[in-house]
Amino acid sequence: MKTFKLVSLDLVEEKKEDITQRRIKLIDGLIINREDDKGRWVVEAYVDKSYQEFFENYMNNEDDLLIQVKITKQSNQPATLMVKTIDTNLIGDNMNVIFMGTIVDRRQDQIEKTLKLLIEEGYQGDELLEEFKKRGSSSEK
């Protein structure tokens, strides 16, 4: 197992057709790569207990949550995880929230969207490959 410092936590919420990010103010936190055969990660967020009702509602809900976290330092790219809230614990005036889930590979998702768009635009064979290379290299900049 590998443990990293959690420096930011955002919940990605879908309300009607809008997607919003809710920043959770961290006091402290960590993220653990369990290195198990399911690729699961444990996220522990230490937050103000004013979040108690909010997170307990998610714990009682069977749906997965989409969260974005930054690990080690703020300048790092966020990682997206699909998680479940598995526990909350009051600790004085604060609480910890424990999530477990897997990392969502956003690059793979972007690759699939680009390929689908190119196919819809009528590209095929070598032409598809060439256009994909052009668009792939320009979107990484």
Protein backbone atom coordinates (compact mmCIF):
# COMPACT_ATOMS: atom_id res chain seq x y z
CA MET A 1 0.00 0.00 0.00
CA LYS A 2 1.07 3.56 -0.70
CA THR A 3 -0.17 6.59 1.25
CA PHE A 4 -0.27 10.17 -0.02
CA LYS A 5 -1.32 13.51 1.46
CA LEU A 6 -4.74 14.70 0.33
CA VAL A 7 -4.61 18.45 -0.41
CA SER A 8 -8.02 19.05 -1.99
CA LEU A 9 -11.38 17.32 -2.32
CA ASP A 10 -14.24 18.28 -4.64
CA LEU A 11 -17.55 16.45 -5.01
CA VAL A 12 -18.86 16.40 -8.55
CA GLU A 13 -22.64 16.60 -8.33
CA GLU A 14 -25.22 16.28 -11.07
CA LYS A 15 -28.40 18.23 -10.44
CA LYS A 16 -30.96 17.98 -13.21
CA GLU A 17 -28.73 18.53 -16.24
CA ASP A 18 -26.07 20.67 -14.54
CA ILE A 19 -22.80 19.32 -13.24
CA THR A 20 -21.28 21.26 -10.36
CA GLN A 21 -18.25 20.85 -8.17
CA ARG A 22 -18.55 21.35 -4.44
CA ARG A 23 -15.26 22.12 -2.71
CA ILE A 24 -14.95 20.40 0.66
CA LYS A 25 -12.76 22.43 3.03
CA LEU A 26 -10.16 20.02 4.37
CA ILE A 27 -8.46 20.27 7.71
CA ASP A 28 -6.29 17.32 6.72
CA GLY A 29 -6.53 14.15 4.70
CA LEU A 30 -4.85 11.21 3.10
CA ILE A 31 -5.36 8.84 0.22
CA ILE A 32 -4.21 5.24 0.19
CA ASN A 33 -3.61 3.09 -2.86
CA ARG A 34 -4.62 -0.32 -1.54
CA GLU A 35 -2.83 -1.98 -4.46
CA ASP A 36 -5.45 -4.72 -4.42
CA ASP A 37 -6.75 -6.70 -7.39
CA LYS A 38 -9.73 -4.32 -7.75
CA GLY A 39 -7.59 -1.17 -7.98
CA ARG A 40 -9.32 0.40 -4.97
CA TRP A 41 -8.25 3.54 -3.16
CA VAL A 42 -9.24 4.73 0.34
CA VAL A 43 -9.70 8.48 0.85
CA GLU A 44 -9.89 9.89 4.36
CA ALA A 45 -10.94 13.51 4.70
CA TYR A 46 -10.67 15.27 8.06
CA VAL A 47 -13.24 18.11 7.99
CA ASP A 48 -15.36 20.34 10.22
CA LYS A 49 -18.31 18.48 11.75
CA SER A 50 -20.70 20.91 10.01
CA TYR A 51 -20.43 18.44 7.09
CA GLN A 52 -21.86 15.59 9.21
CA GLU A 53 -25.43 15.59 7.89
CA PHE A 54 -24.24 16.14 4.32
CA PHE A 55 -21.95 13.09 4.31
CA GLU A 56 -24.29 10.87 6.32
CA ASN A 57 -26.91 11.43 3.59
CA TYR A 58 -24.40 10.10 1.04
CA MET A 59 -23.53 7.18 3.31
CA ASN A 60 -27.18 6.12 3.45
CA ASN A 61 -27.46 6.39 -0.33
CA GLU A 62 -26.36 3.41 -2.42
CA ASP A 63 -25.25 5.60 -5.36
CA ASP A 64 -21.59 6.15 -6.15
CA LEU A 65 -20.09 9.60 -5.76
CA LEU A 66 -17.73 11.20 -8.24
CA ILE A 67 -14.94 13.08 -6.49
CA GLN A 68 -11.85 14.91 -7.63
CA VAL A 69 -8.79 14.96 -5.41
CA LYS A 70 -5.39 16.53 -5.55
CA ILE A 71 -2.58 14.57 -4.02
CA THR A 72 0.62 15.89 -2.42
CA LYS A 73 0.50 19.49 -3.74
CA GLN A 74 -2.07 21.92 -5.17
CA SER A 75 -0.23 22.23 -8.50
CA ASN A 76 -0.83 18.54 -9.32
CA GLN A 77 -3.55 17.55 -11.77
CA PRO A 78 -6.70 16.30 -10.02
CA ALA A 79 -7.50 12.60 -10.01
CA THR A 80 -11.13 11.58 -10.47
CA LEU A 81 -12.51 8.70 -8.42
CA MET A 82 -15.84 6.89 -8.30
CA VAL A 83 -16.40 6.19 -4.59
CA LYS A 84 -18.85 5.26 -1.87
CA THR A 85 -18.89 6.91 1.54
CA ILE A 86 -18.15 4.00 3.85
CA ASP A 87 -17.84 5.67 7.26
CA THR A 88 -17.94 8.93 9.21
CA ASN A 89 -16.59 9.50 12.70
CA LEU A 90 -16.96 12.51 14.99
CA ILE A 91 -13.68 13.66 16.50
CA GLY A 92 -14.31 16.59 18.87
CA ASP A 93 -15.44 19.58 16.77
CA ASN A 94 -14.40 17.80 13.58
CA MET A 95 -15.02 14.55 11.79
CA ASN A 96 -13.44 12.21 9.33
CA VAL A 97 -15.14 10.85 6.24
CA ILE A 98 -13.87 7.67 4.64
CA PHE A 99 -14.50 6.86 0.99
CA MET A 100 -13.51 3.80 -1.01
CA GLY A 101 -13.47 3.55 -4.77
CA THR A 102 -11.52 3.42 -7.99
CA ILE A 103 -9.79 6.00 -10.17
CA VAL A 104 -11.64 7.03 -13.33
CA ASP A 105 -9.26 7.29 -16.26
CA ARG A 106 -10.34 10.59 -17.80
CA ARG A 107 -7.75 10.26 -20.57
CA GLN A 108 -9.40 7.03 -21.74
CA ASP A 109 -12.79 8.75 -21.64
CA GLN A 110 -11.42 11.66 -23.72
CA ILE A 111 -9.86 9.25 -26.23
CA GLU A 112 -13.18 7.46 -26.66
CA LYS A 113 -15.04 10.76 -27.16
CA THR A 114 -12.53 11.92 -29.79
CA LEU A 115 -12.73 8.62 -31.69
CA LYS A 116 -16.52 8.64 -31.61
CA LEU A 117 -16.60 12.21 -32.94
CA LEU A 118 -14.18 11.36 -35.77
CA ILE A 119 -16.21 8.31 -36.78
CA GLU A 120 -19.40 10.41 -36.73
CA GLU A 121 -17.59 12.91 -38.98
CA GLY A 122 -17.00 10.08 -41.46
CA TYR A 123 -13.31 9.33 -40.97
CA GLN A 124 -12.23 5.73 -41.67
CA GLY A 125 -9.07 3.65 -41.93
CA ASP A 126 -5.76 5.49 -42.36
CA GLU A 127 -7.56 8.83 -42.63
CA LEU A 128 -9.14 8.18 -39.20
CA LEU A 129 -5.73 7.35 -37.73
CA GLU A 130 -4.10 10.49 -39.16
CA GLU A 131 -6.90 12.82 -37.99
CA PHE A 132 -6.87 11.18 -34.54
CA LYS A 133 -3.11 11.81 -34.27
CA LYS A 134 -3.60 15.46 -35.27
CA ARG A 135 -6.40 16.08 -32.78
CA GLY A 136 -4.76 14.06 -30.03
CA SER A 137 -1.54 16.03 -30.13
CA SER A 138 -3.29 19.40 -30.31
CA SER A 139 -5.58 18.65 -27.34
CA GLU A 140 -2.65 17.83 -25.04
CA LYS A 141 -1.19 21.34 -25.33
